[in-house]
Amino acid sequence: MIFLRRVPLLTARVGLGGRRFTTTGSTFLYEQGQSVGDQQREYFYFIDHQGQLFLDDTKIKNFVTCFKDRAFLRFFFRRLKANDTSRYRDEFPFYSPCGPEINYVCCDDLPVVFSQLSRGTVPVDWNDPQSAMTTGEQPVQLSSSATQGTEQQQQQHRSSTDGGDDEVYKLWYGGDLHQILSIPFQPQSLFMLPGTGRIYHEAPEKLGGIGLVKSSLAIEFGKHFVYDDQANPDEDYPTGFNFQGTVHRLENSFTKHFAHINSDDT
C-alpha cells in the first residue's frame, strides 16, 4: 500500500533525533518494501515516546500494534544508527540495515527510550523501602569531581551492553516489553528539561549520546531530584539526584541540546 506521509518543516533537533516542528511542511510518497535498484528494499518505522516500535504507516499506534518479538527487537535496535545514507535523512534521521533491507526510522522524540531500571537483570521495585532509590541514611552531597569517575569507567558507561555484572544498575531500551539492550545507569548524567518534565540520560554515541526516560520511569526519578534552595522547580534545572542515600551532583551537560528551545514551545 502506498502511504502519503506529511513531513513537518524541521525547525530544530535534539541530539540526532529529537525534533520540534512548525505546522507547515511537505509531503512525499513511499510504499513499505519498495525496491531501490535490483536488490535493496526499503521499510519505514516509527518509535514513540514510550519506546514502542511500529511500522510508520500503522494508523493506530498502541500496545496492540507495536512490535513485541524479542529477537526482532534486539536485532533491529542493535543495528540502529544515524542515517548517513543519501535518502530520507530529514524525514527519517535513523536507519537499521538488514542485509538487502534498509529500515528507515523516525521518532516522536529520540530513538533511545529507557523503560526500566534494574540491578543486574532484576527490576528495581519502587514500592520496596529498601530499593536502590531509598537505601541509605541522610544524603551526602558529593563534589562534581567525585561523581565523574575514571576515564575507564566513563568509557564503559558509554558502551551499550546486553547485560553483564549483576551488581551494576542498568537502564534498558529497545522496545517497551523486554530487557533488550542496556547501558549502565549514571545518576549524574540525568537531565530534566524544565517546563516539560521530560528526563534524559546519556545513550550510545552512535544514536546521538542522549536518550529519553519513559514517562512512567521519569515519574519515579522525579521524586529524587534535588534543587538549590532558591530554585523554582518549574523553571530551573535540578542540581542533584538522590540515589542510594547519596546526592549525586548533576552534570546538566545536555543543556546545549535544548538551548534553542523555549519551554513554552513544548
Protein backbone atom coordinates (compact mmCIF):
# COMPACT_ATOMS: atom_id res chain seq x y z
CA MET A 1 0.00 0.00 0.00
CA ILE A 2 1.32 3.43 -0.92
CA PHE A 3 1.48 5.74 2.08
CA LEU A 4 1.39 9.54 1.90
CA ARG A 5 3.46 10.99 4.74
CA ARG A 6 3.23 14.64 5.66
CA VAL A 7 6.72 15.82 6.55
CA PRO A 8 6.71 18.72 9.03
CA LEU A 9 9.15 21.54 8.39
CA LEU A 10 12.11 20.68 10.60
CA THR A 11 13.00 23.62 12.81
CA ALA A 12 15.26 22.02 15.42
CA ARG A 13 16.76 18.76 16.59
CA VAL A 14 17.69 17.37 19.97
CA GLY A 15 20.86 15.37 19.54
CA LEU A 16 20.27 13.49 16.31
CA GLY A 17 16.60 12.70 16.52
CA GLY A 18 14.52 14.84 18.88
CA ARG A 19 12.56 17.35 16.84
CA ARG A 20 10.32 20.39 17.20
CA PHE A 21 8.05 21.15 14.26
CA THR A 22 6.09 24.02 12.78
CA THR A 23 2.65 23.31 11.35
CA THR A 24 3.70 23.61 7.71
CA GLY A 25 5.62 21.09 5.71
CA SER A 26 5.85 18.99 2.60
CA THR A 27 4.66 15.55 1.58
CA PHE A 28 6.23 12.52 -0.03
CA LEU A 29 5.06 9.07 -1.04
CA TYR A 30 6.52 5.73 -0.09
CA GLU A 31 5.48 2.10 -0.11
CA GLN A 32 6.60 -0.41 2.51
CA GLY A 33 9.04 -2.83 0.86
CA GLN A 34 9.59 -0.61 -2.16
CA SER A 35 12.53 -1.63 -4.32
CA VAL A 36 15.57 0.52 -4.99
CA GLY A 37 17.62 -0.97 -7.79
CA ASP A 38 17.71 -4.71 -8.25
CA GLN A 39 18.36 -5.85 -4.67
CA GLN A 40 17.58 -3.27 -2.00
CA ARG A 41 14.16 -2.92 -0.35
CA GLU A 42 13.07 -0.08 1.93
CA TYR A 43 10.84 -0.14 5.01
CA PHE A 44 9.78 2.72 7.28
CA TYR A 45 9.39 2.65 11.07
CA PHE A 46 8.40 4.92 13.94
CA ILE A 47 9.49 4.95 17.62
CA ASP A 48 7.08 6.68 20.02
CA HIS A 49 7.89 8.40 23.33
CA GLN A 50 7.29 5.13 25.21
CA GLY A 51 9.97 3.37 23.15
CA GLN A 52 7.47 1.27 21.20
CA LEU A 53 8.38 0.39 17.60
CA PHE A 54 5.80 0.49 14.80
CA LEU A 55 5.63 0.42 11.04
CA ASP A 56 5.40 4.10 10.23
CA ASP A 57 2.16 3.75 8.27
CA THR A 58 0.32 1.94 11.08
CA LYS A 59 -2.81 4.03 11.55
CA ILE A 60 -3.46 3.21 15.21
CA LYS A 61 -0.26 3.07 17.21
CA ASN A 62 -0.65 1.43 20.61
CA PHE A 63 0.44 -1.60 22.64
CA VAL A 64 -1.53 -3.95 20.40
CA THR A 65 0.08 -2.81 17.15
CA CYS A 66 3.71 -2.33 18.26
CA PHE A 67 6.42 -4.93 17.60
CA LYS A 68 6.86 -7.35 20.51
CA ASP A 69 9.14 -10.15 19.30
CA ARG A 70 12.25 -10.07 21.48
CA ALA A 71 14.63 -11.47 18.84
CA PHE A 72 13.46 -8.99 16.21
CA LEU A 73 13.71 -6.02 18.58
CA ARG A 74 17.22 -6.98 19.64
CA PHE A 75 18.31 -7.40 16.01
CA PHE A 76 16.69 -4.12 14.97
CA PHE A 77 17.95 -1.88 17.80
CA ARG A 78 21.48 -3.28 17.86
CA ARG A 79 21.89 -2.15 14.25
CA LEU A 80 20.12 1.19 14.64
CA LYS A 81 22.28 4.23 13.88
CA ALA A 82 22.18 7.73 12.45
CA ASN A 83 21.04 7.90 8.85
CA ASP A 84 24.22 8.50 6.88
CA THR A 85 22.67 7.43 3.57
CA SER A 86 21.61 9.81 0.82
CA ARG A 87 17.89 9.07 1.29
CA TYR A 88 15.26 10.45 3.70
CA ARG A 89 17.82 11.95 6.10
CA ASP A 90 15.46 14.72 7.27
CA GLU A 91 12.29 12.64 7.34
CA PHE A 92 13.90 9.53 8.88
CA PRO A 93 17.07 10.53 10.82
CA PHE A 94 17.98 6.91 11.69
CA TYR A 95 18.11 3.55 9.98
CA SER A 96 18.69 -0.11 10.81
CA PRO A 97 20.30 -2.06 7.96
CA CYS A 98 19.41 -5.70 7.50
CA GLY A 99 21.13 -7.29 4.52
CA PRO A 100 19.29 -6.15 1.39
CA GLU A 101 16.73 -4.29 3.50
CA ILE A 102 17.07 -0.72 4.76
CA ASN A 103 14.77 0.12 7.66
CA TYR A 104 14.37 3.89 7.98
CA VAL A 105 13.31 5.21 11.39
CA CYS A 106 11.76 8.43 12.66
CA CYS A 107 10.93 9.20 16.29
CA ASP A 108 8.44 11.00 18.47
CA ASP A 109 11.44 12.37 20.40
CA LEU A 110 14.56 10.17 20.41
CA PRO A 111 15.32 6.61 19.23
CA VAL A 112 16.57 5.52 22.67
CA VAL A 113 13.79 5.43 25.26
CA PHE A 114 14.77 3.97 28.63
CA SER A 115 11.86 1.97 30.04
CA GLN A 116 13.32 0.17 33.06
CA LEU A 117 15.98 0.49 35.78
CA SER A 118 17.40 -2.75 37.13
CA ARG A 119 20.17 -4.09 39.31
CA GLY A 120 21.69 -6.68 37.03
CA THR A 121 18.54 -8.02 35.40
CA VAL A 122 16.30 -7.62 38.47
CA PRO A 123 13.99 -4.60 38.03
CA VAL A 124 14.03 -2.04 40.84
CA ASP A 125 10.91 -2.37 42.98
CA TRP A 126 9.72 1.18 43.57
CA ASN A 127 7.43 0.05 46.40
CA ASP A 128 10.28 -1.60 48.32
CA PRO A 129 11.53 0.67 51.15
CA GLN A 130 14.97 -0.93 50.72
CA SER A 131 15.11 -0.23 46.98
CA ALA A 132 18.04 1.44 45.25
CA MET A 133 16.38 4.83 45.43
CA THR A 134 15.82 4.88 49.20
CA THR A 135 18.58 2.78 50.75
CA GLY A 136 20.96 4.80 52.88
CA GLU A 137 20.88 7.29 55.72
CA GLN A 138 20.97 11.05 55.35
CA PRO A 139 22.05 12.09 51.83
CA VAL A 140 25.68 13.10 51.45
CA GLN A 141 26.47 15.73 48.82
CA LEU A 142 29.32 14.68 46.53
CA SER A 143 31.55 17.07 44.66
CA SER A 144 31.38 17.13 40.87
CA SER A 145 34.85 15.59 40.66
CA ALA A 146 33.80 12.69 42.86
CA THR A 147 30.93 11.80 40.54
CA GLN A 148 32.89 11.90 37.32
CA GLY A 149 34.71 8.59 37.78
CA THR A 150 37.76 7.38 35.98
CA GLU A 151 38.24 7.62 32.23
CA GLN A 152 37.91 3.84 32.02
CA GLN A 153 34.57 3.92 33.85
CA GLN A 154 33.27 6.72 31.67
CA GLN A 155 34.18 4.74 28.54
CA GLN A 156 32.34 1.72 29.93
CA HIS A 157 29.29 3.81 30.66
CA ARG A 158 29.13 4.97 27.06
CA SER A 159 29.08 1.42 25.73
CA SER A 160 25.77 -0.33 25.12
CA THR A 161 25.58 -3.83 26.62
CA ASP A 162 23.31 -6.86 26.69
CA GLY A 163 23.53 -7.46 30.42
CA GLY A 164 26.62 -8.24 32.48
CA ASP A 165 27.51 -7.73 36.13
CA ASP A 166 24.60 -8.49 38.44
CA GLU A 167 25.65 -5.64 40.75
CA VAL A 168 25.53 -2.96 38.04
CA TYR A 169 22.47 -0.73 37.81
CA LYS A 170 21.27 -0.52 34.23
CA LEU A 171 18.79 1.35 32.10
CA TRP A 172 17.10 -0.76 29.44
CA TYR A 173 15.90 0.27 25.98
CA GLY A 174 14.91 -1.30 22.66
CA GLY A 175 11.15 -1.60 22.92
CA ASP A 176 8.80 -1.34 25.88
CA LEU A 177 8.32 -5.00 26.80
CA HIS A 178 11.61 -6.80 27.30
CA GLN A 179 15.12 -6.23 28.59
CA ILE A 180 16.69 -5.88 25.14
CA LEU A 181 19.72 -3.59 25.38
CA SER A 182 21.16 -1.74 28.35
CA ILE A 183 23.58 0.96 29.35
CA PRO A 184 25.00 1.41 32.88
CA PHE A 185 22.94 3.87 34.92
CA GLN A 186 24.78 7.14 35.50
CA PRO A 187 22.84 9.23 38.05
CA GLN A 188 24.94 12.32 37.38
CA SER A 189 24.03 12.30 33.67
CA LEU A 190 20.28 12.63 34.31
CA PHE A 191 18.79 15.82 32.92
CA MET A 192 15.29 17.23 33.44
CA LEU A 193 14.00 19.80 30.97
CA PRO A 194 12.05 22.45 32.90
CA GLY A 195 8.58 23.17 31.58
CA THR A 196 8.14 19.70 30.09
CA GLY A 197 9.11 17.33 32.89
CA ARG A 198 10.90 15.12 30.37
CA ILE A 199 14.02 13.43 31.70
CA TYR A 200 17.03 12.39 29.66
CA HIS A 201 20.10 10.20 30.25
CA GLU A 202 23.23 9.57 28.23
CA ALA A 203 22.92 6.97 25.49
CA PRO A 204 25.19 5.29 22.92
CA GLU A 205 27.13 7.82 20.88
CA LYS A 206 26.04 6.29 17.57
CA LEU A 207 22.48 7.31 18.47
CA GLY A 208 23.33 10.86 19.48
CA GLY A 209 24.57 10.29 23.02
CA ILE A 210 21.23 11.18 24.62
CA GLY A 211 18.12 9.11 25.37
CA LEU A 212 14.66 9.82 26.74
CA VAL A 213 13.42 8.28 30.00
CA LYS A 214 9.95 6.76 29.61
CA SER A 215 7.26 8.75 31.41
CA SER A 216 6.40 6.07 34.00
CA LEU A 217 10.09 5.74 34.95
CA ALA A 218 10.54 9.53 34.82
CA ILE A 219 7.79 9.91 37.44
CA GLU A 220 9.79 7.74 39.85
CA PHE A 221 13.06 9.54 39.05
CA GLY A 222 11.37 12.91 39.52
CA LYS A 223 10.76 12.16 43.20
CA HIS A 224 14.51 12.06 43.84
CA PHE A 225 15.76 15.24 42.21
CA VAL A 226 17.36 17.88 44.45
CA TYR A 227 17.17 21.64 43.80
CA ASP A 228 19.12 24.59 45.11
CA ASP A 229 17.42 26.43 47.96
CA GLN A 230 16.23 29.37 45.84
CA ALA A 231 15.35 27.33 42.75
CA ASN A 232 11.91 27.19 41.14
CA PRO A 233 11.32 23.56 40.06
CA ASP A 234 9.03 24.74 37.24
CA GLU A 235 11.75 26.89 35.69
CA ASP A 236 15.16 25.79 36.99
CA TYR A 237 17.24 22.68 36.44
CA PRO A 238 17.67 20.27 39.37
CA THR A 239 21.25 20.16 40.62
CA GLY A 240 21.32 16.76 42.32
CA PHE A 241 19.82 13.27 42.28
CA ASN A 242 19.41 11.18 45.43
CA PHE A 243 20.45 7.62 44.65
CA GLN A 244 21.14 5.04 47.38
CA GLY A 245 21.28 7.74 50.03
CA THR A 246 23.84 9.84 48.15
CA VAL A 247 23.06 13.05 46.30
CA HIS A 248 24.93 12.90 43.01
CA ARG A 249 25.71 16.31 41.56
CA LEU A 250 24.12 16.55 38.12
CA GLU A 251 26.37 17.48 35.21
CA ASN A 252 23.45 19.02 33.24
CA SER A 253 25.61 18.58 30.15
CA PHE A 254 22.59 18.26 27.86
CA THR A 255 21.59 21.91 28.24
CA LYS A 256 23.35 22.61 24.94
CA HIS A 257 20.92 20.32 23.13
CA PHE A 258 17.99 22.40 24.32
CA ALA A 259 19.45 25.90 24.20
CA HIS A 260 17.25 26.82 21.21
CA ILE A 261 14.02 25.54 22.76
CA ASN A 262 11.81 27.76 24.88
CA SER A 263 9.77 25.68 27.33
CA ASP A 264 6.63 27.40 26.04
CA ASP A 265 7.13 25.67 22.68
CA THR A 266 6.83 22.15 24.09
